[in-house]
Protein backbone atom coordinates (compact mmCIF):
# COMPACT_ATOMS: atom_id res chain seq x y z
CA MET A 1 152.79 -14.51 -53.15
CA ALA A 2 152.39 -12.02 -50.28
CA VAL A 3 155.80 -12.87 -48.82
CA GLY A 4 157.43 -12.57 -52.25
CA LEU A 5 155.94 -9.10 -52.76
CA LEU A 6 157.06 -8.10 -49.27
CA ILE A 7 160.65 -9.16 -50.00
CA ILE A 8 160.75 -7.38 -53.36
CA ARG A 9 159.15 -4.22 -51.96
CA VAL A 10 161.32 -3.95 -48.89
CA VAL A 11 164.63 -4.69 -50.62
CA LEU A 12 163.90 -2.39 -53.57
CA GLY A 13 162.58 0.36 -51.31
CA VAL A 14 165.44 0.23 -48.81
CA VAL A 15 168.06 0.22 -51.59
CA LEU A 16 166.40 3.26 -53.18
CA VAL A 17 166.23 5.10 -49.85
CA GLY A 18 169.94 4.40 -49.40
CA HIS A 19 170.69 5.50 -52.96
CA GLY A 20 168.88 8.78 -52.35
CA ALA A 21 170.70 9.25 -49.03
CA GLN A 22 174.02 8.85 -50.88
CA LYS A 23 173.08 11.80 -53.08
CA LEU A 24 171.58 13.97 -50.36
CA PHE A 25 173.87 13.36 -47.40
CA GLY A 26 176.90 11.43 -48.64
CA TRP A 27 175.83 8.45 -46.51
CA PHE A 28 176.84 4.88 -47.36
CA GLY A 29 179.92 6.06 -49.25
CA GLY A 30 177.92 8.36 -51.51
CA PRO A 31 179.18 11.58 -53.05
CA GLY A 32 176.79 13.96 -51.28
CA LEU A 33 174.86 16.84 -52.73
CA THR A 34 177.74 19.00 -54.00
CA GLN A 35 179.51 16.27 -55.98
CA THR A 36 176.23 14.82 -57.22
CA GLY A 37 175.19 18.33 -58.26
CA ASP A 38 178.42 18.73 -60.23
CA PHE A 39 177.69 15.45 -62.02
CA PHE A 40 174.12 16.52 -62.76
CA ASP A 41 175.46 19.80 -64.22
CA SER A 42 177.82 17.81 -66.46
CA VAL A 43 174.98 15.72 -67.92
CA GLY A 44 172.67 18.69 -68.54
CA HIS A 45 170.42 18.45 -65.47
CA ARG A 46 170.78 22.07 -64.39
CA PRO A 47 170.95 23.62 -61.91
CA GLY A 48 172.83 20.53 -60.81
CA ARG A 49 172.62 20.87 -57.05
CA ARG A 50 168.86 21.48 -57.12
CA MET A 51 168.26 18.65 -59.58
CA ALA A 52 170.43 16.32 -57.47
CA ALA A 53 168.38 17.23 -54.40
CA LEU A 54 165.15 16.50 -56.29
CA ALA A 55 166.49 13.16 -57.51
CA GLY A 56 167.65 12.22 -54.02
CA LEU A 57 164.31 13.22 -52.48
CA ALA A 58 162.46 11.26 -55.18
CA GLU A 59 164.53 8.16 -54.48
CA VAL A 60 164.04 8.44 -50.71
CA THR A 61 160.30 9.16 -51.01
CA GLY A 62 159.52 6.59 -53.71
CA GLY A 63 161.68 3.98 -51.99
CA ALA A 64 160.06 4.57 -48.60
CA LEU A 65 156.55 4.34 -50.05
CA LEU A 66 157.41 1.06 -51.78
CA ALA A 67 159.15 -0.41 -48.73
CA LEU A 68 156.14 0.40 -46.55
CA GLY A 69 153.64 -0.66 -49.18
CA LEU A 70 151.92 2.69 -48.83
CA LEU A 71 150.30 4.39 -51.82
CA THR A 72 152.15 1.87 -53.96
CA PRO A 73 151.21 3.29 -57.39
CA LEU A 74 152.44 6.75 -56.32
CA GLY A 75 155.72 5.35 -54.97
CA ALA A 76 156.14 3.32 -58.14
CA ALA A 77 155.45 6.34 -60.38
CA ILE A 78 158.10 8.37 -58.52
CA VAL A 79 160.65 5.57 -58.88
CA ILE A 80 159.77 4.90 -62.53
CA GLY A 81 160.20 8.54 -63.52
CA THR A 82 163.43 9.01 -61.59
CA MET A 83 164.96 5.78 -62.87
CA ILE A 84 164.00 6.39 -66.50
CA ALA A 85 165.70 9.78 -66.30
CA ALA A 86 168.75 8.10 -64.73
CA ALA A 87 168.77 5.36 -67.37
CA ALA A 88 168.76 8.01 -70.11
CA VAL A 89 171.92 9.55 -68.61
CA HIS A 90 173.67 6.18 -68.84
CA ALA A 91 172.16 4.97 -72.14
CA ALA A 92 175.16 5.90 -74.28
CA ASN A 93 177.24 3.43 -72.24
CA GLY A 94 175.06 0.47 -73.16
CA LEU A 95 173.22 -1.92 -70.87
CA TRP A 96 175.75 -3.17 -68.34
CA ALA A 97 176.43 -1.26 -65.12
CA SER A 98 180.06 -2.44 -65.22
CA ALA A 99 180.51 -0.16 -68.24
CA GLY A 100 178.50 2.71 -66.73
CA GLY A 101 175.31 1.56 -68.47
CA TYR A 102 171.64 1.75 -67.59
CA GLU A 103 171.27 -1.77 -66.16
CA LEU A 104 170.52 -0.79 -62.55
CA PRO A 105 168.17 2.16 -63.07
CA GLY A 106 166.41 0.11 -65.73
CA LEU A 107 166.00 -2.80 -63.36
CA TYR A 108 164.72 -0.52 -60.58
CA ALA A 109 162.17 1.02 -62.98
CA VAL A 110 160.97 -2.42 -64.12
CA ALA A 111 160.65 -3.70 -60.54
CA ALA A 112 158.66 -0.59 -59.55
CA THR A 113 156.44 -1.06 -62.60
CA GLY A 114 155.76 -4.66 -61.59
CA LEU A 115 154.80 -3.52 -58.09
CA ALA A 116 152.51 -0.86 -59.55
CA PHE A 117 150.64 -3.60 -61.43
CA THR A 118 150.51 -6.17 -58.62
CA GLY A 119 150.01 -3.89 -55.67
CA ALA A 120 151.91 -4.13 -52.39
CA GLY A 121 150.35 -7.37 -51.20
CA ARG A 122 148.89 -8.52 -47.89
CA TYR A 123 151.82 -7.40 -45.72
CA SER A 124 151.62 -3.68 -46.46
CA LEU A 125 150.17 -0.47 -45.16
CA ASP A 126 147.96 -0.31 -48.26
CA HIS A 127 146.33 -3.59 -47.21
CA LEU A 128 146.07 -2.49 -43.58
CA LEU A 129 144.32 0.73 -44.68
CA GLY A 130 142.02 -1.14 -47.06
CA LEU A 131 143.57 0.41 -50.18
CA SER A 132 143.36 -1.87 -53.18
CA TRP A 133 145.16 -1.10 -56.42
CA SER A 134 144.28 -2.93 -59.63
CA TRP A 135 146.06 -3.01 -63.00
CA PRO A 136 144.70 0.39 -64.21
CA TYR A 137 146.74 1.97 -61.41
CA GLY A 138 149.78 0.19 -62.80
CA ILE A 139 149.16 1.77 -66.19
CA GLY A 140 148.64 5.12 -64.48
CA ALA A 141 151.91 4.81 -62.55
CA LEU A 142 153.81 3.92 -65.71
CA VAL A 143 152.28 6.82 -67.66
CA VAL A 144 152.90 9.32 -64.84
CA GLY A 145 156.50 8.09 -64.49
CA LEU A 146 157.12 8.43 -68.22
CA LEU A 147 155.48 11.85 -68.38
CA GLY A 148 157.64 12.95 -65.48
CA ALA A 149 160.89 11.66 -66.98
CA LEU A 150 160.57 12.61 -70.64
CA PRO A 151 160.59 16.41 -70.17
CA LEU A 152 163.64 16.11 -67.90
CA ILE A 153 165.45 14.03 -70.49
CA ALA A 154 164.58 16.44 -73.31
CA ARG A 155 165.59 19.46 -71.22
CA SER A 156 168.97 17.97 -70.27
CA ARG A 157 169.72 17.03 -73.88
CA ARG A 158 168.86 20.56 -75.06
CA ARG A 159 171.11 22.07 -72.42
CA LEU A 160 173.97 19.75 -73.32
CA ALA A 161 173.59 20.61 -77.01
CA GLN A 162 173.58 24.33 -76.19
CA SER A 163 176.76 24.03 -74.14
CA GLN A 164 178.70 22.23 -76.89
CA PRO A 165 181.16 24.45 -78.76
CA ARG A 166 179.86 25.30 -82.19
CA GLU A 167 181.96 25.28 -85.34
CA ASP A 168 182.43 28.48 -87.27
CA HIS A 169 180.80 27.46 -90.55
CA ARG A 170 182.32 30.41 -92.48
CA SER A 171 185.84 29.02 -92.21
CA HIS A 172 184.89 25.38 -92.56
CA GLN A 173 185.96 23.78 -95.80
CA PRO A 174 183.93 20.89 -97.10
CA PRO A 175 185.75 17.57 -96.97
CA THR A 176 187.62 16.52 -100.09
CA PRO A 177 185.69 13.79 -101.87
CA VAL A 178 187.38 10.42 -101.82
CA ALA A 179 187.16 8.22 -104.88
CA ALA A 180 185.38 5.00 -104.19
């Protein structure tokens, strides 16, 4: 079990660090902060550049904590919140990543949640430091992640709705009824 947790933690954590580095620095073929910021603006996470920097820092920090097995519930909460917010951006496209859906951020959030409940395992800095996390910390990480993501999602949706052109209701004619 300890080796399995190590593999999951390290792979998930390193991938998230890389994903954050794509946003922040344009590394690994990523778009960098300016292009990521433009995308964040387009989906209502404004100001885009600042929100992109926060998302990138969250991915790097949460991923590093998980990879190291250090303060695992905190790392998991950071990843859960960030990935739920990312999944909400892609939700309209359905599940599959091939169609721009929420598959990957959803999977990252679920994996981080699992780690929050199990702990980092024997081969971790948490274990070395004598830090033991039980299932209540998993619930705490999930709740903190959700509470972190939901206001961001609501805020971006409000901003998108405000930026949509509004119809002039004075000149709008009701549709002509169609006989059934």
